[in-house]
């Protein structure tokens, strides 16, 4: 049985407080969830750690996560202790599923 459906046409992106970074939450429960994140070219998300594991699939564009550069179709998994920043090298969108949230450093 399907328990949750979010259709693309009804998926708003909202500002995150980080210039050039917007988010469309698919579901969220007790700090866990999944989202679509859009970065404009040159946008940055600051140095951060993770409360739990997160899985990312790049849908379009190219982003640098720490010392790794990922492009459309690539998969990335991070977790506690995987401290990194993120910078969009071009306009980009990715899907993220996470347990817990990001803990911004400094």
PDB file of N, CA and C in Angstrom:
ATOM      1  N   UNK A   1       0.836  -1.180   0.000  1.00  0.00           N
ATOM      2  CA  UNK A   1       0.000   0.000   0.000  1.00  0.00           C
ATOM      3  C   UNK A   1       0.883   1.247   0.000  1.00  0.00           C
ATOM      4  N   UNK A   2       0.567   2.197  -0.841  1.00  0.00           N
ATOM      5  CA  UNK A   2       1.293   3.459  -0.893  1.00  0.00           C
ATOM      6  C   UNK A   2       0.888   4.295   0.309  1.00  0.00           C
ATOM      7  N   UNK A   3       1.886   4.785   1.066  1.00  0.00           N
ATOM      8  CA  UNK A   3       1.584   5.541   2.278  1.00  0.00           C
ATOM      9  C   UNK A   3       1.806   7.037   2.137  1.00  0.00           C
ATOM     10  N   UNK A   4       2.525   7.458   1.075  1.00  0.00           N
ATOM     11  CA  UNK A   4       2.784   8.894   0.920  1.00  0.00           C
ATOM     12  C   UNK A   4       3.053   9.194  -0.544  1.00  0.00           C
ATOM     13  N   UNK A   5       2.420  10.227  -1.063  1.00  0.00           N
ATOM     14  CA  UNK A   5       2.649  10.676  -2.430  1.00  0.00           C
ATOM     15  C   UNK A   5       2.753  12.186  -2.418  1.00  0.00           C
ATOM     16  N   UNK A   6       3.834  12.707  -2.997  1.00  0.00           N
ATOM     17  CA  UNK A   6       3.994  14.136  -3.190  1.00  0.00           C
ATOM     18  C   UNK A   6       4.221  14.357  -4.669  1.00  0.00           C
ATOM     19  N   UNK A   7       3.293  15.041  -5.321  1.00  0.00           N
ATOM     20  CA  UNK A   7       3.397  15.240  -6.762  1.00  0.00           C
ATOM     21  C   UNK A   7       4.232  16.477  -7.085  1.00  0.00           C
ATOM     22  N   UNK A   8       5.034  16.363  -8.138  1.00  0.00           N
ATOM     23  CA  UNK A   8       5.967  17.424  -8.520  1.00  0.00           C
ATOM     24  C   UNK A   8       5.268  18.763  -8.733  1.00  0.00           C
ATOM     25  N   UNK A   9       4.102  18.756  -9.334  1.00  0.00           N
ATOM     26  CA  UNK A   9       3.389  20.000  -9.627  1.00  0.00           C
ATOM     27  C   UNK A   9       2.986  20.750  -8.357  1.00  0.00           C
ATOM     28  N   UNK A  10       2.928  20.054  -7.252  1.00  0.00           N
ATOM     29  CA  UNK A  10       2.510  20.667  -5.982  1.00  0.00           C
ATOM     30  C   UNK A  10       3.661  20.779  -4.994  1.00  0.00           C
ATOM     31  N   UNK A  11       4.875  20.778  -5.496  1.00  0.00           N
ATOM     32  CA  UNK A  11       6.048  20.761  -4.640  1.00  0.00           C
ATOM     33  C   UNK A  11       6.720  22.133  -4.621  1.00  0.00           C
ATOM     34  N   UNK A  12       6.413  22.972  -3.628  1.00  0.00           N
ATOM     35  CA  UNK A  12       7.041  24.297  -3.571  1.00  0.00           C
ATOM     36  C   UNK A  12       8.452  24.220  -2.986  1.00  0.00           C
ATOM     37  N   UNK A  13       9.328  25.050  -3.492  1.00  0.00           N
ATOM     38  CA  UNK A  13      10.663  25.210  -2.920  1.00  0.00           C
ATOM     39  C   UNK A  13      10.655  26.481  -2.076  1.00  0.00           C
ATOM     40  N   UNK A  14      11.209  26.419  -0.878  1.00  0.00           N
ATOM     41  CA  UNK A  14      11.244  27.561   0.030  1.00  0.00           C
ATOM     42  C   UNK A  14      12.687  27.924   0.358  1.00  0.00           C
ATOM     43  N   UNK A  15      12.882  29.172   0.707  1.00  0.00           N
ATOM     44  CA  UNK A  15      14.205  29.661   1.089  1.00  0.00           C
ATOM     45  C   UNK A  15      14.686  28.948   2.354  1.00  0.00           C
ATOM     46  N   UNK A  16      15.990  28.711   2.433  1.00  0.00           N
ATOM     47  CA  UNK A  16      16.567  28.020   3.587  1.00  0.00           C
ATOM     48  C   UNK A  16      17.265  28.958   4.554  1.00  0.00           C
ATOM     49  N   UNK A  17      17.499  30.207   4.134  1.00  0.00           N
ATOM     50  CA  UNK A  17      18.316  31.109   4.930  1.00  0.00           C
ATOM     51  C   UNK A  17      19.755  31.132   4.457  1.00  0.00           C
ATOM     52  N   UNK A  18      20.089  30.237   3.538  1.00  0.00           N
ATOM     53  CA  UNK A  18      21.403  30.222   2.910  1.00  0.00           C
ATOM     54  C   UNK A  18      21.212  30.703   1.471  1.00  0.00           C
ATOM     55  N   UNK A  19      21.834  31.825   1.087  1.00  0.00           N
ATOM     56  CA  UNK A  19      21.596  32.404  -0.245  1.00  0.00           C
ATOM     57  C   UNK A  19      21.799  31.393  -1.372  1.00  0.00           C
ATOM     58  N   UNK A  20      20.798  31.310  -2.251  1.00  0.00           N
ATOM     59  CA  UNK A  20      20.887  30.434  -3.413  1.00  0.00           C
ATOM     60  C   UNK A  20      20.543  28.986  -3.151  1.00  0.00           C
ATOM     61  N   UNK A  21      20.120  28.666  -1.917  1.00  0.00           N
ATOM     62  CA  UNK A  21      19.770  27.288  -1.557  1.00  0.00           C
ATOM     63  C   UNK A  21      18.293  27.246  -1.150  1.00  0.00           C
ATOM     64  N   UNK A  22      17.497  26.441  -1.857  1.00  0.00           N
ATOM     65  CA  UNK A  22      16.086  26.273  -1.513  1.00  0.00           C
ATOM     66  C   UNK A  22      15.794  24.802  -1.263  1.00  0.00           C
ATOM     67  N   UNK A  23      14.676  24.543  -0.583  1.00  0.00           N
ATOM     68  CA  UNK A  23      14.341  23.187  -0.161  1.00  0.00           C
ATOM     69  C   UNK A  23      12.864  22.907  -0.382  1.00  0.00           C
ATOM     70  N   UNK A  24      12.568  21.706  -0.812  1.00  0.00           N
ATOM     71  CA  UNK A  24      11.193  21.222  -0.896  1.00  0.00           C
ATOM     72  C   UNK A  24      11.107  19.938  -0.080  1.00  0.00           C
ATOM     73  N   UNK A  25      10.504  20.031   1.101  1.00  0.00           N
ATOM     74  CA  UNK A  25      10.402  18.870   1.990  1.00  0.00           C
ATOM     75  C   UNK A  25       9.334  17.914   1.468  1.00  0.00           C
ATOM     76  N   UNK A  26       9.709  16.655   1.345  1.00  0.00           N
ATOM     77  CA  UNK A  26       8.794  15.609   0.893  1.00  0.00           C
ATOM     78  C   UNK A  26       8.053  15.032   2.093  1.00  0.00           C
ATOM     79  N   UNK A  27       8.791  14.683   3.130  1.00  0.00           N
ATOM     80  CA  UNK A  27       8.176  14.277   4.395  1.00  0.00           C
ATOM     81  C   UNK A  27       9.182  14.527   5.506  1.00  0.00           C
ATOM     82  N   UNK A  28       8.665  14.694   6.701  1.00  0.00           N
ATOM     83  CA  UNK A  28       9.510  14.959   7.860  1.00  0.00           C
ATOM     84  C   UNK A  28       8.813  14.429   9.097  1.00  0.00           C
ATOM     85  N   UNK A  29       9.584  13.692   9.901  1.00  0.00           N
ATOM     86  CA  UNK A  29       9.024  13.117  11.124  1.00  0.00           C
ATOM     87  C   UNK A  29      10.142  12.961  12.138  1.00  0.00           C
ATOM     88  N   UNK A  30      10.044  13.667  13.255  1.00  0.00           N
ATOM     89  CA  UNK A  30      11.026  13.556  14.348  1.00  0.00           C
ATOM     90  C   UNK A  30      12.456  13.809  13.891  1.00  0.00           C
ATOM     91  N   UNK A  31      12.666  14.768  13.002  1.00  0.00           N
ATOM     92  CA  UNK A  31      14.010  15.106  12.528  1.00  0.00           C
ATOM     93  C   UNK A  31      14.494  14.265  11.366  1.00  0.00           C
ATOM     94  N   UNK A  32      13.758  13.227  11.022  1.00  0.00           N
ATOM     95  CA  UNK A  32      14.097  12.392   9.871  1.00  0.00           C
ATOM     96  C   UNK A  32      13.276  12.871   8.681  1.00  0.00           C
ATOM     97  N   UNK A  33      13.706  12.565   7.468  1.00  0.00           N
ATOM     98  CA  UNK A  33      12.895  12.967   6.339  1.00  0.00           C
ATOM     99  C   UNK A  33      13.588  12.823   5.012  1.00  0.00           C
ATOM    100  N   UNK A  34      12.959  13.424   4.017  1.00  0.00           N
ATOM    101  CA  UNK A  34      13.528  13.467   2.670  1.00  0.00           C
ATOM    102  C   UNK A  34      13.104  14.772   2.021  1.00  0.00           C
ATOM    103  N   UNK A  35      14.010  15.291   1.204  1.00  0.00           N
ATOM    104  CA  UNK A  35      13.823  16.610   0.620  1.00  0.00           C
ATOM    105  C   UNK A  35      14.438  16.647  -0.772  1.00  0.00           C
ATOM    106  N   UNK A  36      13.964  17.591  -1.572  1.00  0.00           N
ATOM    107  CA  UNK A  36      14.672  18.013  -2.767  1.00  0.00           C
ATOM    108  C   UNK A  36      15.357  19.318  -2.396  1.00  0.00           C
ATOM    109  N   UNK A  37      16.635  19.454  -2.728  1.00  0.00           N
ATOM    110  CA  UNK A  37      17.405  20.655  -2.442  1.00  0.00           C
ATOM    111  C   UNK A  37      17.892  21.222  -3.774  1.00  0.00           C
ATOM    112  N   UNK A  38      17.699  22.522  -3.972  1.00  0.00           N
ATOM    113  CA  UNK A  38      18.170  23.186  -5.181  1.00  0.00           C
ATOM    114  C   UNK A  38      19.222  24.226  -4.804  1.00  0.00           C
ATOM    115  N   UNK A  39      20.333  24.209  -5.526  1.00  0.00           N
ATOM    116  CA  UNK A  39      21.416  25.172  -5.350  1.00  0.00           C
ATOM    117  C   UNK A  39      21.566  25.961  -6.651  1.00  0.00           C
ATOM    118  N   UNK A  40      21.672  27.270  -6.561  1.00  0.00           N
ATOM    119  CA  UNK A  40      22.078  28.084  -7.704  1.00  0.00           C
ATOM    120  C   UNK A  40      23.595  27.981  -7.809  1.00  0.00           C
ATOM    121  N   UNK A  41      24.129  28.091  -9.021  1.00  0.00           N
ATOM    122  CA  UNK A  41      25.583  28.045  -9.214  1.00  0.00           C
ATOM    123  C   UNK A  41      26.258  29.035  -8.263  1.00  0.00           C
ATOM    124  N   UNK A  42      27.286  28.557  -7.558  1.00  0.00           N
ATOM    125  CA  UNK A  42      28.034  29.384  -6.624  1.00  0.00           C
ATOM    126  C   UNK A  42      27.485  29.392  -5.211  1.00  0.00           C
ATOM    127  N   UNK A  43      26.276  28.871  -4.998  1.00  0.00           N
ATOM    128  CA  UNK A  43      25.691  28.835  -3.649  1.00  0.00           C
ATOM    129  C   UNK A  43      26.484  27.872  -2.769  1.00  0.00           C
ATOM    130  N   UNK A  44      26.525  28.196  -1.487  1.00  0.00           N
ATOM    131  CA  UNK A  44      27.272  27.377  -0.528  1.00  0.00           C
ATOM    132  C   UNK A  44      26.409  27.028   0.682  1.00  0.00           C
ATOM    133  N   UNK A  45      26.620  25.821   1.199  1.00  0.00           N
ATOM    134  CA  UNK A  45      26.071  25.422   2.490  1.00  0.00           C
ATOM    135  C   UNK A  45      27.284  25.257   3.388  1.00  0.00           C
ATOM    136  N   UNK A  46      27.271  25.838   4.601  1.00  0.00           N
ATOM    137  CA  UNK A  46      28.483  25.894   5.421  1.00  0.00           C
ATOM    138  C   UNK A  46      28.946  24.526   5.940  1.00  0.00           C
ATOM    139  N   UNK A  47      30.134  24.544   6.496  1.00  0.00           N
ATOM    140  CA  UNK A  47      30.721  23.363   7.117  1.00  0.00           C
ATOM    141  C   UNK A  47      29.729  22.796   8.127  1.00  0.00           C
ATOM    142  N   UNK A  48      29.481  21.471   8.025  1.00  0.00           N
ATOM    143  CA  UNK A  48      28.512  20.843   8.919  1.00  0.00           C
ATOM    144  C   UNK A  48      28.818  19.365   9.108  1.00  0.00           C
ATOM    145  N   UNK A  49      28.256  18.820  10.175  1.00  0.00           N
ATOM    146  CA  UNK A  49      28.319  17.384  10.484  1.00  0.00           C
ATOM    147  C   UNK A  49      26.883  16.866  10.375  1.00  0.00           C
ATOM    148  N   UNK A  50      26.690  15.595  10.681  1.00  0.00           N
ATOM    149  CA  UNK A  50      25.379  14.968  10.538  1.00  0.00           C
ATOM    150  C   UNK A  50      24.998  14.228  11.819  1.00  0.00           C
ATOM    151  N   UNK A  51      23.728  14.336  12.202  1.00  0.00           N
ATOM    152  CA  UNK A  51      23.240  13.601  13.371  1.00  0.00           C
ATOM    153  C   UNK A  51      23.116  12.114  13.074  1.00  0.00           C
ATOM    154  N   UNK A  52      22.903  11.764  11.826  1.00  0.00           N
ATOM    155  CA  UNK A  52      22.750  10.376  11.407  1.00  0.00           C
ATOM    156  C   UNK A  52      23.087  10.267   9.932  1.00  0.00           C
ATOM    157  N   UNK A  53      22.856   9.108   9.346  1.00  0.00           N
ATOM    158  CA  UNK A  53      23.191   8.922   7.935  1.00  0.00           C
ATOM    159  C   UNK A  53      22.289   9.730   7.010  1.00  0.00           C
ATOM    160  N   UNK A  54      22.861  10.125   5.889  1.00  0.00           N
ATOM    161  CA  UNK A  54      22.087  10.751   4.826  1.00  0.00           C
ATOM    162  C   UNK A  54      22.528  10.166   3.496  1.00  0.00           C
ATOM    163  N   UNK A  55      21.573  10.049   2.584  1.00  0.00           N
ATOM    164  CA  UNK A  55      21.842   9.541   1.246  1.00  0.00           C
ATOM    165  C   UNK A  55      21.381  10.590   0.244  1.00  0.00           C
ATOM    166  N   UNK A  56      22.233  10.865  -0.733  1.00  0.00           N
ATOM    167  CA  UNK A  56      21.974  11.909  -1.716  1.00  0.00           C
ATOM    168  C   UNK A  56      22.088  11.324  -3.117  1.00  0.00           C
ATOM    169  N   UNK A  57      21.135  11.681  -3.973  1.00  0.00           N
ATOM    170  CA  UNK A  57      21.213  11.361  -5.405  1.00  0.00           C
ATOM    171  C   UNK A  57      21.143  12.693  -6.146  1.00  0.00           C
ATOM    172  N   UNK A  58      22.145  12.970  -6.950  1.00  0.00           N
ATOM    173  CA  UNK A  58      22.192  14.216  -7.719  1.00  0.00           C
ATOM    174  C   UNK A  58      21.296  14.050  -8.945  1.00  0.00           C
ATOM    175  N   UNK A  59      20.319  14.941  -9.073  1.00  0.00           N
ATOM    176  CA  UNK A  59      19.375  14.867 -10.186  1.00  0.00           C
ATOM    177  C   UNK A  59      19.833  15.705 -11.370  1.00  0.00           C
ATOM    178  N   UNK A  60      20.450  16.849 -11.084  1.00  0.00           N
ATOM    179  CA  UNK A  60      20.972  17.700 -12.153  1.00  0.00           C
ATOM    180  C   UNK A  60      22.092  18.563 -11.597  1.00  0.00           C
ATOM    181  N   UNK A  61      22.993  18.961 -12.474  1.00  0.00           N
ATOM    182  CA  UNK A  61      24.061  19.865 -12.088  1.00  0.00           C
ATOM    183  C   UNK A  61      25.293  19.170 -11.542  1.00  0.00           C
ATOM    184  N   UNK A  62      26.093  19.965 -10.821  1.00  0.00           N
ATOM    185  CA  UNK A  62      27.360  19.482 -10.260  1.00  0.00           C
ATOM    186  C   UNK A  62      27.620  20.226  -8.954  1.00  0.00           C
ATOM    187  N   UNK A  63      27.909  19.474  -7.887  1.00  0.00           N
ATOM    188  CA  UNK A  63      28.134  20.041  -6.556  1.00  0.00           C
ATOM    189  C   UNK A  63      29.396  19.437  -5.961  1.00  0.00           C
ATOM    190  N   UNK A  64      30.145  20.282  -5.247  1.00  0.00           N
ATOM    191  CA  UNK A  64      31.300  19.808  -4.487  1.00  0.00           C
ATOM    192  C   UNK A  64      30.853  19.648  -3.037  1.00  0.00           C
ATOM    193  N   UNK A  65      30.960  18.423  -2.510  1.00  0.00           N
ATOM    194  CA  UNK A  65      30.734  18.136  -1.094  1.00  0.00           C
ATOM    195  C   UNK A  65      32.100  17.843  -0.495  1.00  0.00           C
ATOM    196  N   UNK A  66      32.647  18.771   0.297  1.00  0.00           N
ATOM    197  CA  UNK A  66      34.001  18.593   0.818  1.00  0.00           C
ATOM    198  C   UNK A  66      34.964  18.476  -0.336  1.00  0.00           C
ATOM    199  N   UNK A  67      35.691  17.354  -0.412  1.00  0.00           N
ATOM    200  CA  UNK A  67      36.658  17.163  -1.511  1.00  0.00           C
ATOM    201  C   UNK A  67      36.106  16.285  -2.636  1.00  0.00           C
ATOM    202  N   UNK A  68      34.821  15.969  -2.594  1.00  0.00           N
ATOM    203  CA  UNK A  68      34.184  15.133  -3.628  1.00  0.00           C
ATOM    204  C   UNK A  68      33.320  15.994  -4.543  1.00  0.00           C
ATOM    205  N   UNK A  69      33.462  15.816  -5.851  1.00  0.00           N
ATOM    206  CA  UNK A  69      32.604  16.492  -6.813  1.00  0.00           C
ATOM    207  C   UNK A  69      31.657  15.454  -7.396  1.00  0.00           C
ATOM    208  N   UNK A  70      30.362  15.744  -7.315  1.00  0.00           N
ATOM    209  CA  UNK A  70      29.345  14.813  -7.797  1.00  0.00           C
ATOM    210  C   UNK A  70      28.494  15.488  -8.861  1.00  0.00           C
ATOM    211  N   UNK A  71      28.029  14.678  -9.811  1.00  0.00           N
ATOM    212  CA  UNK A  71      27.250  15.159 -10.948  1.00  0.00           C
ATOM    213  C   UNK A  71      25.953  14.367 -11.059  1.00  0.00           C
ATOM    214  N   UNK A  72      25.090  14.802 -11.970  1.00  0.00           N
ATOM    215  CA  UNK A  72      23.800  14.151 -12.184  1.00  0.00           C
ATOM    216  C   UNK A  72      23.972  12.637 -12.293  1.00  0.00           C
ATOM    217  N   UNK A  73      23.156  11.914 -11.515  1.00  0.00           N
ATOM    218  CA  UNK A  73      23.193  10.453 -11.499  1.00  0.00           C
ATOM    219  C   UNK A  73      24.069   9.871 -10.409  1.00  0.00           C
ATOM    220  N   UNK A  74      24.946  10.686  -9.811  1.00  0.00           N
ATOM    221  CA  UNK A  74      25.843  10.187  -8.760  1.00  0.00           C
ATOM    222  C   UNK A  74      25.100  10.040  -7.434  1.00  0.00           C
ATOM    223  N   UNK A  75      25.611   9.126  -6.588  1.00  0.00           N
ATOM    224  CA  UNK A  75      25.062   8.831  -5.266  1.00  0.00           C
ATOM    225  C   UNK A  75      26.136   9.112  -4.234  1.00  0.00           C
ATOM    226  N   UNK A  76      25.747   9.710  -3.109  1.00  0.00           N
ATOM    227  CA  UNK A  76      26.681  10.029  -2.032  1.00  0.00           C
ATOM    228  C   UNK A  76      26.027   9.667  -0.715  1.00  0.00           C
ATOM    229  N   UNK A  77      26.779   9.030   0.177  1.00  0.00           N
ATOM    230  CA  UNK A  77      26.283   8.721   1.520  1.00  0.00           C
ATOM    231  C   UNK A  77      27.237   9.355   2.524  1.00  0.00           C
ATOM    232  N   UNK A  78      26.683  10.019   3.536  1.00  0.00           N
ATOM    233  CA  UNK A  78      27.472  10.634   4.595  1.00  0.00           C
ATOM    234  C   UNK A  78      26.810  10.324   5.924  1.00  0.00           C
ATOM    235  N   UNK A  79      27.562  10.486   6.988  1.00  0.00           N
ATOM    236  CA  UNK A  79      27.024  10.226   8.317  1.00  0.00           C
ATOM    237  C   UNK A  79      27.791  10.999   9.365  1.00  0.00           C
ATOM    238  N   UNK A  80      27.522  10.723  10.640  1.00  0.00           N
ATOM    239  CA  UNK A  80      28.212  11.408  11.719  1.00  0.00           C
ATOM    240  C   UNK A  80      29.734  11.324  11.545  1.00  0.00           C
ATOM    241  N   UNK A  81      30.392  12.465  11.708  1.00  0.00           N
ATOM    242  CA  UNK A  81      31.843  12.528  11.548  1.00  0.00           C
ATOM    243  C   UNK A  81      32.288  12.882  10.143  1.00  0.00           C
ATOM    244  N   UNK A  82      31.380  12.850   9.180  1.00  0.00           N
ATOM    245  CA  UNK A  82      31.699  13.234   7.797  1.00  0.00           C
ATOM    246  C   UNK A  82      31.466  14.739   7.641  1.00  0.00           C
ATOM    247  N   UNK A  83      32.325  15.534   8.274  1.00  0.00           N
ATOM    248  CA  UNK A  83      32.192  16.987   8.269  1.00  0.00           C
ATOM    249  C   UNK A  83      32.623  17.526   6.910  1.00  0.00           C
ATOM    250  N   UNK A  84      31.772  18.360   6.318  1.00  0.00           N
ATOM    251  CA  UNK A  84      32.090  18.939   5.003  1.00  0.00           C
ATOM    252  C   UNK A  84      31.215  20.159   4.759  1.00  0.00           C
ATOM    253  N   UNK A  85      31.575  20.928   3.737  1.00  0.00           N
ATOM    254  CA  UNK A  85      30.713  21.994   3.252  1.00  0.00           C
ATOM    255  C   UNK A  85      30.172  21.540   1.907  1.00  0.00           C
ATOM    256  N   UNK A  86      29.393  22.390   1.244  1.00  0.00           N
ATOM    257  CA  UNK A  86      28.871  22.075  -0.086  1.00  0.00           C
ATOM    258  C   UNK A  86      28.860  23.360  -0.908  1.00  0.00           C
ATOM    259  N   UNK A  87      29.243  23.243  -2.184  1.00  0.00           N
ATOM    260  CA  UNK A  87      29.230  24.380  -3.098  1.00  0.00           C
ATOM    261  C   UNK A  87      28.746  23.908  -4.462  1.00  0.00           C
ATOM    262  N   UNK A  88      27.771  24.622  -5.004  1.00  0.00           N
ATOM    263  CA  UNK A  88      27.260  24.281  -6.332  1.00  0.00           C
ATOM    264  C   UNK A  88      28.203  24.836  -7.391  1.00  0.00           C
ATOM    265  N   UNK A  89      28.705  23.959  -8.242  1.00  0.00           N
ATOM    266  CA  UNK A  89      29.571  24.375  -9.338  1.00  0.00           C
ATOM    267  C   UNK A  89      28.743  24.804 -10.543  1.00  0.00           C
ATOM    268  N   UNK A  90      27.463  24.402 -10.553  1.00  0.00           N
ATOM    269  CA  UNK A  90      26.480  24.853 -11.536  1.00  0.00           C
ATOM    270  C   UNK A  90      25.103  24.702 -10.891  1.00  0.00           C
ATOM    271  N   UNK A  91      24.070  25.289 -11.498  1.00  0.00           N
ATOM    272  CA  UNK A  91      22.720  25.100 -10.954  1.00  0.00           C
ATOM    273  C   UNK A  91      22.482  23.609 -10.772  1.00  0.00           C
ATOM    274  N   UNK A  92      21.990  23.209  -9.602  1.00  0.00           N
ATOM    275  CA  UNK A  92      21.907  21.788  -9.263  1.00  0.00           C
ATOM    276  C   UNK A  92      20.668  21.492  -8.419  1.00  0.00           C
ATOM    277  N   UNK A  93      20.195  20.256  -8.528  1.00  0.00           N
ATOM    278  CA  UNK A  93      19.109  19.754  -7.683  1.00  0.00           C
ATOM    279  C   UNK A  93      19.487  18.350  -7.245  1.00  0.00           C
ATOM    280  N   UNK A  94      19.261  18.050  -5.961  1.00  0.00           N
ATOM    281  CA  UNK A  94      19.471  16.683  -5.492  1.00  0.00           C
ATOM    282  C   UNK A  94      18.358  16.268  -4.552  1.00  0.00           C
ATOM    283  N   UNK A  95      18.203  14.953  -4.418  1.00  0.00           N
ATOM    284  CA  UNK A  95      17.262  14.348  -3.485  1.00  0.00           C
ATOM    285  C   UNK A  95      18.067  13.837  -2.307  1.00  0.00           C
ATOM    286  N   UNK A  96      17.600  14.116  -1.097  1.00  0.00           N
ATOM    287  CA  UNK A  96      18.290  13.656   0.105  1.00  0.00           C
ATOM    288  C   UNK A  96      17.303  12.967   1.038  1.00  0.00           C
ATOM    289  N   UNK A  97      17.694  11.813   1.560  1.00  0.00           N
ATOM    290  CA  UNK A  97      16.955  11.109   2.611  1.00  0.00           C
ATOM    291  C   UNK A  97      17.881  11.092   3.827  1.00  0.00           C
ATOM    292  N   UNK A  98      17.363  11.439   5.001  1.00  0.00           N
ATOM    293  CA  UNK A  98      18.243  11.595   6.165  1.00  0.00           C
ATOM    294  C   UNK A  98      17.584  11.134   7.459  1.00  0.00           C
ATOM    295  N   UNK A  99      18.444  10.686   8.368  1.00  0.00           N
ATOM    296  CA  UNK A  99      18.068  10.375   9.738  1.00  0.00           C
ATOM    297  C   UNK A  99      18.714  11.473  10.577  1.00  0.00           C
ATOM    298  N   UNK A 100      17.917  12.294  11.216  1.00  0.00           N
ATOM    299  CA  UNK A 100      18.455  13.454  11.912  1.00  0.00           C
ATOM    300  C   UNK A 100      18.768  14.564  10.924  1.00  0.00           C
ATOM    301  N   UNK A 101      19.411  15.595  11.415  1.00  0.00           N
ATOM    302  CA  UNK A 101      19.676  16.758  10.570  1.00  0.00           C
ATOM    303  C   UNK A 101      21.147  17.078  10.447  1.00  0.00           C
ATOM    304  N   UNK A 102      21.402  18.211   9.803  1.00  0.00           N
ATOM    305  CA  UNK A 102      22.758  18.727   9.664  1.00  0.00           C
ATOM    306  C   UNK A 102      23.062  19.612  10.868  1.00  0.00           C
ATOM    307  N   UNK A 103      24.295  19.533  11.354  1.00  0.00           N
ATOM    308  CA  UNK A 103      24.737  20.348  12.487  1.00  0.00           C
ATOM    309  C   UNK A 103      25.797  21.301  11.961  1.00  0.00           C
ATOM    310  N   UNK A 104      25.401  22.573  11.773  1.00  0.00           N
ATOM    311  CA  UNK A 104      26.305  23.570  11.219  1.00  0.00           C
ATOM    312  C   UNK A 104      27.407  23.871  12.231  1.00  0.00           C
ATOM    313  N   UNK A 105      28.647  23.914  11.744  1.00  0.00           N
ATOM    314  CA  UNK A 105      29.822  24.173  12.582  1.00  0.00           C
ATOM    315  C   UNK A 105      30.165  25.649  12.510  1.00  0.00           C
ATOM    316  N   UNK A 106      30.416  26.253  13.676  1.00  0.00           N
ATOM    317  CA  UNK A 106      30.855  27.645  13.724  1.00  0.00           C
ATOM    318  C   UNK A 106      29.790  28.544  13.387  1.00  0.00           C
TER     319      UNK A 106
END
